[in-house]
Amino acid sequence: MIHSTAEVDPRAQVGTGTKIWRNTHIREGAVVGENCIIGEHVYIDVDVRIGSRVKIQNAALVYTGATLEDAVFIGPRACLANDRLPRAINLDGSLKGRSDWTVGKTLLRFGASVGAGAIILPDVVIGRYALVAAGAVVTEDVPDHGLAVGIPARLVGWVCKCGARLVPKPAEAGGPSQWVCPRDGWSWKPDR
């Protein structure tokens, strides 16, 4: 289903079962997988790659250089940026064009979630099932199951596949630290 007010470039690919709501713009070369929900007023830039079963909430901005694996969630008004050195003009004063800057890459791994109004700077990887809090500004990678909050975002804990914050479980003698989900009992041993 593509709403009549949405603008989907004919050179974009949209998978079966995907719903695209009002006033959304999907640019040329973008690929959106199957069974996604793309909310109102979303902008998906040139050549963006979006997996299947992804949900992008209203007014989110996903710029060139972004790749979203399957099952990713992007909250309302979140922004995935692509330029760490933004300038309107070149050193000679001429207006910058596409060939005058290097596109930064952003990767959101399977099941990652980005909260409302968060900003993800380029050249960052958000790990599997990681959670970026609402309003955070992510400048560095977030590990699998990591919980990142603040400006700049910092790792403050771990989250379950269900999204609940994990709580520490006492380590066994000489064993690594473990974290457990208070909702479903799932446990996690971070690499760090």
Foldseek 3Di string as FASTA:
>chain_A
DEDPQEAEPPQEAAEAQEYHDHPEYADHLEYAYHNEYHEYCEYHEHNEAHYYCEYEYANEYHYPQEYEYPQEYEEAQEYEDWAPDDDQADPVRHGDDPVRGDTFHEYEDALEYEYANEYEYGPEYEEHNEYEYHNEYEDYYAYHQFYWYDHPTDTDAGADSVGATWDWDDADVVGATKTAGPPPGDIDGDPD
